[in-house]
């Protein structure tokens, strides 16, 4: 689907990063965000804004790795700190992504 059909790429990127910001509070919406990023990215496109989808996917998998490690280590309480850091990381990266898209800059 091209940017002229349906929702524009900027709006789609804002939706994905918005889900990441919401996840800093509720922990689940990032899954929806990464699914949308996978569905909406177009590897054939030459639009530099497409890099936001790849960046969002990469951010999600780093968050997921930190989250799994945090859950495993929660038994010895250090995991709670890791879970907190994972949430902060996702919130900060979501905010950076939104700022970059509002400034009309690619992710990379």
PDB file of N, CA and C in Angstrom:
ATOM      1  N   UNK A   1       0.855  -1.171   0.000  1.00  0.00           N
ATOM      2  CA  UNK A   1       0.000   0.000   0.000  1.00  0.00           C
ATOM      3  C   UNK A   1       0.897   1.229   0.000  1.00  0.00           C
ATOM      4  N   UNK A   2       0.644   2.127  -0.910  1.00  0.00           N
ATOM      5  CA  UNK A   2       1.468   3.321  -0.989  1.00  0.00           C
ATOM      6  C   UNK A   2       1.000   4.354   0.022  1.00  0.00           C
ATOM      7  N   UNK A   3       1.815   5.393   0.175  1.00  0.00           N
ATOM      8  CA  UNK A   3       1.497   6.439   1.148  1.00  0.00           C
ATOM      9  C   UNK A   3       0.245   7.215   0.758  1.00  0.00           C
ATOM     10  N   UNK A   4      -0.131   7.179  -0.524  1.00  0.00           N
ATOM     11  CA  UNK A   4      -1.317   7.921  -0.948  1.00  0.00           C
ATOM     12  C   UNK A   4      -2.597   7.140  -0.695  1.00  0.00           C
ATOM     13  N   UNK A   5      -2.504   5.859  -0.443  1.00  0.00           N
ATOM     14  CA  UNK A   5      -3.673   5.037  -0.170  1.00  0.00           C
ATOM     15  C   UNK A   5      -3.805   4.834   1.330  1.00  0.00           C
ATOM     16  N   UNK A   6      -4.998   5.042   1.857  1.00  0.00           N
ATOM     17  CA  UNK A   6      -5.225   4.794   3.274  1.00  0.00           C
ATOM     18  C   UNK A   6      -4.450   5.757   4.151  1.00  0.00           C
ATOM     19  N   UNK A   7      -3.853   5.226   5.201  1.00  0.00           N
ATOM     20  CA  UNK A   7      -3.137   6.028   6.180  1.00  0.00           C
ATOM     21  C   UNK A   7      -1.732   6.343   5.680  1.00  0.00           C
ATOM     22  N   UNK A   8      -1.283   7.581   5.882  1.00  0.00           N
ATOM     23  CA  UNK A   8       0.060   7.966   5.434  1.00  0.00           C
ATOM     24  C   UNK A   8       1.122   7.265   6.269  1.00  0.00           C
ATOM     25  N   UNK A   9       2.320   7.188   5.729  1.00  0.00           N
ATOM     26  CA  UNK A   9       3.421   6.524   6.430  1.00  0.00           C
ATOM     27  C   UNK A   9       3.747   7.249   7.732  1.00  0.00           C
ATOM     28  N   UNK A  10       3.687   8.584   7.728  1.00  0.00           N
ATOM     29  CA  UNK A  10       3.970   9.335   8.953  1.00  0.00           C
ATOM     30  C   UNK A  10       2.983   8.961  10.061  1.00  0.00           C
ATOM     31  N   UNK A  11       1.717   8.861   9.705  1.00  0.00           N
ATOM     32  CA  UNK A  11       0.707   8.496  10.698  1.00  0.00           C
ATOM     33  C   UNK A  11       0.942   7.084  11.216  1.00  0.00           C
ATOM     34  N   UNK A  12       1.299   6.181  10.335  1.00  0.00           N
ATOM     35  CA  UNK A  12       1.561   4.795  10.752  1.00  0.00           C
ATOM     36  C   UNK A  12       2.749   4.734  11.716  1.00  0.00           C
ATOM     37  N   UNK A  13       3.795   5.483  11.393  1.00  0.00           N
ATOM     38  CA  UNK A  13       4.966   5.501  12.265  1.00  0.00           C
ATOM     39  C   UNK A  13       4.601   6.082  13.632  1.00  0.00           C
ATOM     40  N   UNK A  14       3.814   7.141  13.634  1.00  0.00           N
ATOM     41  CA  UNK A  14       3.376   7.740  14.900  1.00  0.00           C
ATOM     42  C   UNK A  14       2.564   6.749  15.724  1.00  0.00           C
ATOM     43  N   UNK A  15       1.745   5.944  15.064  1.00  0.00           N
ATOM     44  CA  UNK A  15       0.959   4.932  15.776  1.00  0.00           C
ATOM     45  C   UNK A  15       1.877   3.910  16.432  1.00  0.00           C
ATOM     46  N   UNK A  16       2.876   3.420  15.695  1.00  0.00           N
ATOM     47  CA  UNK A  16       3.805   2.415  16.244  1.00  0.00           C
ATOM     48  C   UNK A  16       4.558   2.987  17.442  1.00  0.00           C
ATOM     49  N   UNK A  17       5.150   4.177  17.287  1.00  0.00           N
ATOM     50  CA  UNK A  17       5.896   4.768  18.403  1.00  0.00           C
ATOM     51  C   UNK A  17       4.958   5.099  19.559  1.00  0.00           C
ATOM     52  N   UNK A  18       3.725   5.482  19.259  1.00  0.00           N
ATOM     53  CA  UNK A  18       2.742   5.746  20.317  1.00  0.00           C
ATOM     54  C   UNK A  18       2.455   4.501  21.142  1.00  0.00           C
ATOM     55  N   UNK A  19       2.313   3.357  20.472  1.00  0.00           N
ATOM     56  CA  UNK A  19       2.123   2.106  21.212  1.00  0.00           C
ATOM     57  C   UNK A  19       3.315   1.826  22.120  1.00  0.00           C
ATOM     58  N   UNK A  20       4.516   2.155  21.660  1.00  0.00           N
ATOM     59  CA  UNK A  20       5.696   1.937  22.491  1.00  0.00           C
ATOM     60  C   UNK A  20       5.666   2.828  23.731  1.00  0.00           C
ATOM     61  N   UNK A  21       5.242   4.067  23.563  1.00  0.00           N
ATOM     62  CA  UNK A  21       5.145   4.960  24.723  1.00  0.00           C
ATOM     63  C   UNK A  21       4.107   4.458  25.718  1.00  0.00           C
ATOM     64  N   UNK A  22       2.989   3.989  25.217  1.00  0.00           N
ATOM     65  CA  UNK A  22       1.939   3.463  26.100  1.00  0.00           C
ATOM     66  C   UNK A  22       2.448   2.233  26.853  1.00  0.00           C
ATOM     67  N   UNK A  23       3.317   1.464  26.222  1.00  0.00           N
ATOM     68  CA  UNK A  23       3.851   0.261  26.850  1.00  0.00           C
ATOM     69  C   UNK A  23       4.664   0.580  28.085  1.00  0.00           C
ATOM     70  N   UNK A  24       5.263   1.751  28.133  1.00  0.00           N
ATOM     71  CA  UNK A  24       6.029   2.137  29.324  1.00  0.00           C
ATOM     72  C   UNK A  24       5.121   2.110  30.556  1.00  0.00           C
ATOM     73  N   UNK A  25       3.825   2.245  30.359  1.00  0.00           N
ATOM     74  CA  UNK A  25       2.877   2.208  31.475  1.00  0.00           C
ATOM     75  C   UNK A  25       2.157   0.876  31.613  1.00  0.00           C
ATOM     76  N   UNK A  26       1.812   0.236  30.497  1.00  0.00           N
ATOM     77  CA  UNK A  26       0.931  -0.933  30.543  1.00  0.00           C
ATOM     78  C   UNK A  26       1.547  -2.255  30.105  1.00  0.00           C
ATOM     79  N   UNK A  27       2.746  -2.274  29.576  1.00  0.00           N
ATOM     80  CA  UNK A  27       3.540  -3.450  29.226  1.00  0.00           C
ATOM     81  C   UNK A  27       3.073  -4.283  28.041  1.00  0.00           C
ATOM     82  N   UNK A  28       1.863  -4.170  27.541  1.00  0.00           N
ATOM     83  CA  UNK A  28       1.451  -5.033  26.435  1.00  0.00           C
ATOM     84  C   UNK A  28       1.392  -4.358  25.067  1.00  0.00           C
ATOM     85  N   UNK A  29       1.051  -3.097  24.959  1.00  0.00           N
ATOM     86  CA  UNK A  29       0.851  -2.510  23.626  1.00  0.00           C
ATOM     87  C   UNK A  29       2.058  -2.566  22.690  1.00  0.00           C
ATOM     88  N   UNK A  30       3.253  -2.777  23.182  1.00  0.00           N
ATOM     89  CA  UNK A  30       4.416  -2.875  22.287  1.00  0.00           C
ATOM     90  C   UNK A  30       4.274  -4.053  21.338  1.00  0.00           C
ATOM     91  N   UNK A  31       3.610  -5.105  21.786  1.00  0.00           N
ATOM     92  CA  UNK A  31       3.387  -6.265  20.918  1.00  0.00           C
ATOM     93  C   UNK A  31       2.538  -5.839  19.720  1.00  0.00           C
ATOM     94  N   UNK A  32       1.508  -5.051  19.975  1.00  0.00           N
ATOM     95  CA  UNK A  32       0.679  -4.540  18.885  1.00  0.00           C
ATOM     96  C   UNK A  32       1.524  -3.641  17.983  1.00  0.00           C
ATOM     97  N   UNK A  33       2.345  -2.791  18.587  1.00  0.00           N
ATOM     98  CA  UNK A  33       3.197  -1.890  17.818  1.00  0.00           C
ATOM     99  C   UNK A  33       4.161  -2.629  16.906  1.00  0.00           C
ATOM    100  N   UNK A  34       4.793  -3.678  17.411  1.00  0.00           N
ATOM    101  CA  UNK A  34       5.760  -4.402  16.579  1.00  0.00           C
ATOM    102  C   UNK A  34       5.050  -5.182  15.478  1.00  0.00           C
ATOM    103  N   UNK A  35       3.875  -5.702  15.768  1.00  0.00           N
ATOM    104  CA  UNK A  35       3.104  -6.392  14.715  1.00  0.00           C
ATOM    105  C   UNK A  35       2.757  -5.409  13.602  1.00  0.00           C
ATOM    106  N   UNK A  36       2.300  -4.216  13.977  1.00  0.00           N
ATOM    107  CA  UNK A  36       1.983  -3.199  12.974  1.00  0.00           C
ATOM    108  C   UNK A  36       3.231  -2.782  12.197  1.00  0.00           C
ATOM    109  N   UNK A  37       4.376  -2.664  12.883  1.00  0.00           N
ATOM    110  CA  UNK A  37       5.620  -2.306  12.205  1.00  0.00           C
ATOM    111  C   UNK A  37       5.995  -3.363  11.163  1.00  0.00           C
ATOM    112  N   UNK A  38       5.847  -4.644  11.529  1.00  0.00           N
ATOM    113  CA  UNK A  38       6.132  -5.712  10.566  1.00  0.00           C
ATOM    114  C   UNK A  38       5.162  -5.660   9.384  1.00  0.00           C
ATOM    115  N   UNK A  39       3.893  -5.404   9.653  1.00  0.00           N
ATOM    116  CA  UNK A  39       2.895  -5.364   8.586  1.00  0.00           C
ATOM    117  C   UNK A  39       3.062  -4.162   7.674  1.00  0.00           C
ATOM    118  N   UNK A  40       3.433  -3.030   8.226  1.00  0.00           N
ATOM    119  CA  UNK A  40       3.470  -1.789   7.465  1.00  0.00           C
ATOM    120  C   UNK A  40       4.799  -1.488   6.801  1.00  0.00           C
ATOM    121  N   UNK A  41       5.859  -2.165   7.188  1.00  0.00           N
ATOM    122  CA  UNK A  41       7.134  -1.822   6.547  1.00  0.00           C
ATOM    123  C   UNK A  41       7.154  -2.366   5.127  1.00  0.00           C
ATOM    124  N   UNK A  42       7.804  -1.637   4.277  1.00  0.00           N
ATOM    125  CA  UNK A  42       7.890  -1.984   2.866  1.00  0.00           C
ATOM    126  C   UNK A  42       9.355  -1.949   2.476  1.00  0.00           C
ATOM    127  N   UNK A  43       9.945  -3.101   2.338  1.00  0.00           N
ATOM    128  CA  UNK A  43      11.378  -3.179   2.045  1.00  0.00           C
ATOM    129  C   UNK A  43      11.712  -2.657   0.643  1.00  0.00           C
ATOM    130  N   UNK A  44      10.722  -2.616  -0.244  1.00  0.00           N
ATOM    131  CA  UNK A  44      10.974  -2.155  -1.611  1.00  0.00           C
ATOM    132  C   UNK A  44      10.910  -0.638  -1.729  1.00  0.00           C
ATOM    133  N   UNK A  45      10.381   0.020  -0.725  1.00  0.00           N
ATOM    134  CA  UNK A  45      10.208   1.470  -0.784  1.00  0.00           C
ATOM    135  C   UNK A  45      11.547   2.186  -0.646  1.00  0.00           C
ATOM    136  N   UNK A  46      11.661   3.303  -1.337  1.00  0.00           N
ATOM    137  CA  UNK A  46      12.874   4.122  -1.232  1.00  0.00           C
ATOM    138  C   UNK A  46      12.669   5.287  -0.263  1.00  0.00           C
ATOM    139  N   UNK A  47      11.499   5.338   0.364  1.00  0.00           N
ATOM    140  CA  UNK A  47      11.195   6.408   1.317  1.00  0.00           C
ATOM    141  C   UNK A  47      12.087   6.253   2.552  1.00  0.00           C
ATOM    142  N   UNK A  48      12.883   7.270   2.904  1.00  0.00           N
ATOM    143  CA  UNK A  48      13.766   7.148   4.066  1.00  0.00           C
ATOM    144  C   UNK A  48      13.003   6.985   5.386  1.00  0.00           C
ATOM    145  N   UNK A  49      11.741   7.354   5.420  1.00  0.00           N
ATOM    146  CA  UNK A  49      10.945   7.208   6.644  1.00  0.00           C
ATOM    147  C   UNK A  49      10.656   5.747   6.965  1.00  0.00           C
ATOM    148  N   UNK A  50      10.822   4.869   5.982  1.00  0.00           N
ATOM    149  CA  UNK A  50      10.640   3.435   6.225  1.00  0.00           C
ATOM    150  C   UNK A  50      11.612   2.924   7.286  1.00  0.00           C
ATOM    151  N   UNK A  51      12.727   3.630   7.474  1.00  0.00           N
ATOM    152  CA  UNK A  51      13.714   3.197   8.471  1.00  0.00           C
ATOM    153  C   UNK A  51      13.118   3.205   9.877  1.00  0.00           C
ATOM    154  N   UNK A  52      12.068   3.982  10.102  1.00  0.00           N
ATOM    155  CA  UNK A  52      11.412   3.988  11.415  1.00  0.00           C
ATOM    156  C   UNK A  52      10.833   2.615  11.752  1.00  0.00           C
ATOM    157  N   UNK A  53      10.282   1.932  10.758  1.00  0.00           N
ATOM    158  CA  UNK A  53       9.718   0.612  11.018  1.00  0.00           C
ATOM    159  C   UNK A  53      10.808  -0.375  11.428  1.00  0.00           C
ATOM    160  N   UNK A  54      11.944  -0.346  10.715  1.00  0.00           N
ATOM    161  CA  UNK A  54      13.063  -1.221  11.089  1.00  0.00           C
ATOM    162  C   UNK A  54      13.590  -0.861  12.476  1.00  0.00           C
ATOM    163  N   UNK A  55      13.675   0.441  12.753  1.00  0.00           N
ATOM    164  CA  UNK A  55      14.127   0.880  14.072  1.00  0.00           C
ATOM    165  C   UNK A  55      13.173   0.445  15.169  1.00  0.00           C
ATOM    166  N   UNK A  56      11.880   0.549  14.916  1.00  0.00           N
ATOM    167  CA  UNK A  56      10.890   0.141  15.914  1.00  0.00           C
ATOM    168  C   UNK A  56      10.962  -1.359  16.180  1.00  0.00           C
ATOM    169  N   UNK A  57      11.179  -2.132  15.142  1.00  0.00           N
ATOM    170  CA  UNK A  57      11.297  -3.585  15.304  1.00  0.00           C
ATOM    171  C   UNK A  57      12.538  -3.914  16.123  1.00  0.00           C
ATOM    172  N   UNK A  58      13.643  -3.265  15.819  1.00  0.00           N
ATOM    173  CA  UNK A  58      14.890  -3.494  16.559  1.00  0.00           C
ATOM    174  C   UNK A  58      14.733  -3.103  18.034  1.00  0.00           C
ATOM    175  N   UNK A  59      14.118  -1.947  18.281  1.00  0.00           N
ATOM    176  CA  UNK A  59      13.886  -1.490  19.660  1.00  0.00           C
ATOM    177  C   UNK A  59      13.031  -2.496  20.412  1.00  0.00           C
ATOM    178  N   UNK A  60      11.985  -3.005  19.753  1.00  0.00           N
ATOM    179  CA  UNK A  60      11.121  -3.978  20.415  1.00  0.00           C
ATOM    180  C   UNK A  60      11.892  -5.213  20.824  1.00  0.00           C
ATOM    181  N   UNK A  61      12.724  -5.769  19.962  1.00  0.00           N
ATOM    182  CA  UNK A  61      13.423  -7.011  20.304  1.00  0.00           C
ATOM    183  C   UNK A  61      14.459  -6.798  21.401  1.00  0.00           C
ATOM    184  N   UNK A  62      15.093  -5.624  21.461  1.00  0.00           N
ATOM    185  CA  UNK A  62      15.977  -5.327  22.596  1.00  0.00           C
ATOM    186  C   UNK A  62      15.163  -5.233  23.885  1.00  0.00           C
ATOM    187  N   UNK A  63      14.003  -4.587  23.811  1.00  0.00           N
ATOM    188  CA  UNK A  63      13.111  -4.502  24.968  1.00  0.00           C
ATOM    189  C   UNK A  63      12.682  -5.905  25.407  1.00  0.00           C
ATOM    190  N   UNK A  64      12.304  -6.747  24.457  1.00  0.00           N
ATOM    191  CA  UNK A  64      11.856  -8.104  24.789  1.00  0.00           C
ATOM    192  C   UNK A  64      12.966  -8.904  25.460  1.00  0.00           C
ATOM    193  N   UNK A  65      14.200  -8.749  24.963  1.00  0.00           N
ATOM    194  CA  UNK A  65      15.333  -9.444  25.575  1.00  0.00           C
ATOM    195  C   UNK A  65      15.535  -8.977  27.014  1.00  0.00           C
ATOM    196  N   UNK A  66      15.511  -7.665  27.225  1.00  0.00           N
ATOM    197  CA  UNK A  66      15.661  -7.146  28.595  1.00  0.00           C
ATOM    198  C   UNK A  66      14.513  -7.619  29.485  1.00  0.00           C
ATOM    199  N   UNK A  67      13.322  -7.671  28.937  1.00  0.00           N
ATOM    200  CA  UNK A  67      12.152  -8.083  29.710  1.00  0.00           C
ATOM    201  C   UNK A  67      12.278  -9.546  30.147  1.00  0.00           C
ATOM    202  N   UNK A  68      12.693 -10.418  29.225  1.00  0.00           N
ATOM    203  CA  UNK A  68      12.847 -11.841  29.560  1.00  0.00           C
ATOM    204  C   UNK A  68      13.933 -12.018  30.624  1.00  0.00           C
ATOM    205  N   UNK A  69      15.058 -11.349  30.464  1.00  0.00           N
ATOM    206  CA  UNK A  69      16.135 -11.435  31.459  1.00  0.00           C
ATOM    207  C   UNK A  69      15.634 -10.920  32.806  1.00  0.00           C
ATOM    208  N   UNK A  70      14.881  -9.815  32.776  1.00  0.00           N
ATOM    209  CA  UNK A  70      14.336  -9.255  34.012  1.00  0.00           C
ATOM    210  C   UNK A  70      13.378 -10.193  34.712  1.00  0.00           C
ATOM    211  N   UNK A  71      12.537 -10.852  33.949  1.00  0.00           N
ATOM    212  CA  UNK A  71      11.590 -11.799  34.551  1.00  0.00           C
ATOM    213  C   UNK A  71      12.337 -12.968  35.167  1.00  0.00           C
ATOM    214  N   UNK A  72      13.336 -13.475  34.469  1.00  0.00           N
ATOM    215  CA  UNK A  72      14.106 -14.603  34.997  1.00  0.00           C
ATOM    216  C   UNK A  72      14.848 -14.202  36.276  1.00  0.00           C
ATOM    217  N   UNK A  73      15.435 -13.013  36.275  1.00  0.00           N
ATOM    218  CA  UNK A  73      16.215 -12.576  37.432  1.00  0.00           C
ATOM    219  C   UNK A  73      15.363 -11.934  38.529  1.00  0.00           C
ATOM    220  N   UNK A  74      14.063 -11.838  38.313  1.00  0.00           N
ATOM    221  CA  UNK A  74      13.180 -11.267  39.341  1.00  0.00           C
ATOM    222  C   UNK A  74      13.205 -12.108  40.609  1.00  0.00           C
ATOM    223  N   UNK A  75      13.591 -13.344  40.493  1.00  0.00           N
ATOM    224  CA  UNK A  75      13.690 -14.228  41.647  1.00  0.00           C
ATOM    225  C   UNK A  75      14.694 -13.678  42.657  1.00  0.00           C
ATOM    226  N   UNK A  76      15.767 -13.067  42.161  1.00  0.00           N
ATOM    227  CA  UNK A  76      16.773 -12.510  43.073  1.00  0.00           C
ATOM    228  C   UNK A  76      16.691 -10.985  43.124  1.00  0.00           C
ATOM    229  N   UNK A  77      15.559 -10.450  42.746  1.00  0.00           N
ATOM    230  CA  UNK A  77      15.212  -9.029  42.863  1.00  0.00           C
ATOM    231  C   UNK A  77      15.967  -8.090  41.931  1.00  0.00           C
ATOM    232  N   UNK A  78      17.101  -8.480  41.390  1.00  0.00           N
ATOM    233  CA  UNK A  78      17.790  -7.606  40.439  1.00  0.00           C
ATOM    234  C   UNK A  78      16.964  -7.478  39.164  1.00  0.00           C
ATOM    235  N   UNK A  79      16.153  -8.493  38.915  1.00  0.00           N
ATOM    236  CA  UNK A  79      15.304  -8.482  37.730  1.00  0.00           C
ATOM    237  C   UNK A  79      14.296  -7.359  37.738  1.00  0.00           C
ATOM    238  N   UNK A  80      13.869  -6.939  38.918  1.00  0.00           N
ATOM    239  CA  UNK A  80      12.919  -5.833  39.001  1.00  0.00           C
ATOM    240  C   UNK A  80      13.541  -4.549  38.478  1.00  0.00           C
ATOM    241  N   UNK A  81      14.806  -4.357  38.765  1.00  0.00           N
ATOM    242  CA  UNK A  81      15.517  -3.187  38.240  1.00  0.00           C
ATOM    243  C   UNK A  81      15.666  -3.291  36.721  1.00  0.00           C
ATOM    244  N   UNK A  82      15.932  -4.490  36.232  1.00  0.00           N
ATOM    245  CA  UNK A  82      16.069  -4.694  34.793  1.00  0.00           C
ATOM    246  C   UNK A  82      14.729  -4.442  34.099  1.00  0.00           C
ATOM    247  N   UNK A  83      13.637  -4.893  34.694  1.00  0.00           N
ATOM    248  CA  UNK A  83      12.310  -4.636  34.128  1.00  0.00           C
ATOM    249  C   UNK A  83      12.014  -3.138  34.084  1.00  0.00           C
ATOM    250  N   UNK A  84      12.415  -2.438  35.129  1.00  0.00           N
ATOM    251  CA  UNK A  84      12.233  -0.990  35.151  1.00  0.00           C
ATOM    252  C   UNK A  84      13.035  -0.328  34.033  1.00  0.00           C
ATOM    253  N   UNK A  85      14.292  -0.738  33.894  1.00  0.00           N
ATOM    254  CA  UNK A  85      15.159  -0.184  32.844  1.00  0.00           C
ATOM    255  C   UNK A  85      14.581  -0.500  31.463  1.00  0.00           C
ATOM    256  N   UNK A  86      14.032  -1.697  31.278  1.00  0.00           N
ATOM    257  CA  UNK A  86      13.434  -2.064  29.993  1.00  0.00           C
ATOM    258  C   UNK A  86      12.263  -1.142  29.667  1.00  0.00           C
ATOM    259  N   UNK A  87      11.427  -0.866  30.651  1.00  0.00           N
ATOM    260  CA  UNK A  87      10.299   0.039  30.438  1.00  0.00           C
ATOM    261  C   UNK A  87      10.747   1.456  30.120  1.00  0.00           C
ATOM    262  N   UNK A  88      11.757   1.918  30.831  1.00  0.00           N
ATOM    263  CA  UNK A  88      12.294   3.261  30.576  1.00  0.00           C
ATOM    264  C   UNK A  88      12.923   3.316  29.184  1.00  0.00           C
ATOM    265  N   UNK A  89      13.671   2.289  28.825  1.00  0.00           N
ATOM    266  CA  UNK A  89      14.291   2.215  27.500  1.00  0.00           C
ATOM    267  C   UNK A  89      13.233   2.330  26.402  1.00  0.00           C
ATOM    268  N   UNK A  90      12.160   1.558  26.530  1.00  0.00           N
ATOM    269  CA  UNK A  90      11.125   1.590  25.508  1.00  0.00           C
ATOM    270  C   UNK A  90      10.441   2.954  25.458  1.00  0.00           C
ATOM    271  N   UNK A  91      10.201   3.540  26.610  1.00  0.00           N
ATOM    272  CA  UNK A  91       9.593   4.864  26.643  1.00  0.00           C
ATOM    273  C   UNK A  91      10.469   5.923  26.000  1.00  0.00           C
ATOM    274  N   UNK A  92      11.760   5.891  26.308  1.00  0.00           N
ATOM    275  CA  UNK A  92      12.689   6.874  25.737  1.00  0.00           C
ATOM    276  C   UNK A  92      12.819   6.685  24.232  1.00  0.00           C
ATOM    277  N   UNK A  93      12.955   5.445  23.800  1.00  0.00           N
ATOM    278  CA  UNK A  93      13.095   5.205  22.361  1.00  0.00           C
ATOM    279  C   UNK A  93      11.817   5.570  21.617  1.00  0.00           C
ATOM    280  N   UNK A  94      10.663   5.317  22.223  1.00  0.00           N
ATOM    281  CA  UNK A  94       9.403   5.724  21.615  1.00  0.00           C
ATOM    282  C   UNK A  94       9.315   7.235  21.489  1.00  0.00           C
ATOM    283  N   UNK A  95       9.752   7.947  22.522  1.00  0.00           N
ATOM    284  CA  UNK A  95       9.744   9.412  22.478  1.00  0.00           C
ATOM    285  C   UNK A  95      10.711   9.929  21.417  1.00  0.00           C
ATOM    286  N   UNK A  96      11.892   9.331  21.339  1.00  0.00           N
ATOM    287  CA  UNK A  96      12.864   9.744  20.322  1.00  0.00           C
ATOM    288  C   UNK A  96      12.295   9.496  18.927  1.00  0.00           C
ATOM    289  N   UNK A  97      11.658   8.346  18.734  1.00  0.00           N
ATOM    290  CA  UNK A  97      11.050   8.049  17.438  1.00  0.00           C
ATOM    291  C   UNK A  97       9.985   9.063  17.065  1.00  0.00           C
ATOM    292  N   UNK A  98       9.136   9.419  18.028  1.00  0.00           N
ATOM    293  CA  UNK A  98       8.096  10.413  17.746  1.00  0.00           C
ATOM    294  C   UNK A  98       8.694  11.780  17.431  1.00  0.00           C
ATOM    295  N   UNK A  99       9.699  12.182  18.181  1.00  0.00           N
ATOM    296  CA  UNK A  99      10.345  13.472  17.913  1.00  0.00           C
ATOM    297  C   UNK A  99      10.942  13.479  16.513  1.00  0.00           C
ATOM    298  N   UNK A 100      11.601  12.389  16.141  1.00  0.00           N
ATOM    299  CA  UNK A 100      12.230  12.325  14.815  1.00  0.00           C
ATOM    300  C   UNK A 100      11.185  12.369  13.703  1.00  0.00           C
ATOM    301  N   UNK A 101      10.051  11.693  13.888  1.00  0.00           N
ATOM    302  CA  UNK A 101       9.038  11.697  12.829  1.00  0.00           C
ATOM    303  C   UNK A 101       8.339  13.050  12.763  1.00  0.00           C
ATOM    304  N   UNK A 102       8.139  13.702  13.913  1.00  0.00           N
ATOM    305  CA  UNK A 102       7.548  15.035  13.893  1.00  0.00           C
ATOM    306  C   UNK A 102       8.508  16.052  13.265  1.00  0.00           C
ATOM    307  N   UNK A 103       9.809  15.814  13.373  1.00  0.00           N
ATOM    308  CA  UNK A 103      10.808  16.669  12.720  1.00  0.00           C
ATOM    309  C   UNK A 103      11.044  16.262  11.270  1.00  0.00           C
ATOM    310  N   UNK A 104      10.303  15.224  10.824  1.00  0.00           N
ATOM    311  CA  UNK A 104      10.408  14.719   9.463  1.00  0.00           C
ATOM    312  C   UNK A 104      11.814  14.203   9.156  1.00  0.00           C
ATOM    313  N   UNK A 105      12.389  13.475  10.116  1.00  0.00           N
ATOM    314  CA  UNK A 105      13.719  12.889   9.958  1.00  0.00           C
ATOM    315  C   UNK A 105      13.602  11.377   9.996  1.00  0.00           C
ATOM    316  N   UNK A 106      14.401  10.669   9.217  1.00  0.00           N
ATOM    317  CA  UNK A 106      14.387   9.197   9.264  1.00  0.00           C
ATOM    318  C   UNK A 106      14.969   8.709  10.596  1.00  0.00           C
ATOM    319  N   UNK A 107      14.747   7.459  10.909  1.00  0.00           N
ATOM    320  CA  UNK A 107      15.229   6.884  12.158  1.00  0.00           C
ATOM    321  C   UNK A 107      16.743   6.868  12.190  1.00  0.00           C
ATOM    322  N   UNK A 108      17.372   6.465  11.116  1.00  0.00           N
ATOM    323  CA  UNK A 108      18.835   6.347  11.074  1.00  0.00           C
ATOM    324  C   UNK A 108      19.439   7.564  10.444  1.00  0.00           C
TER     325      UNK A 108
END
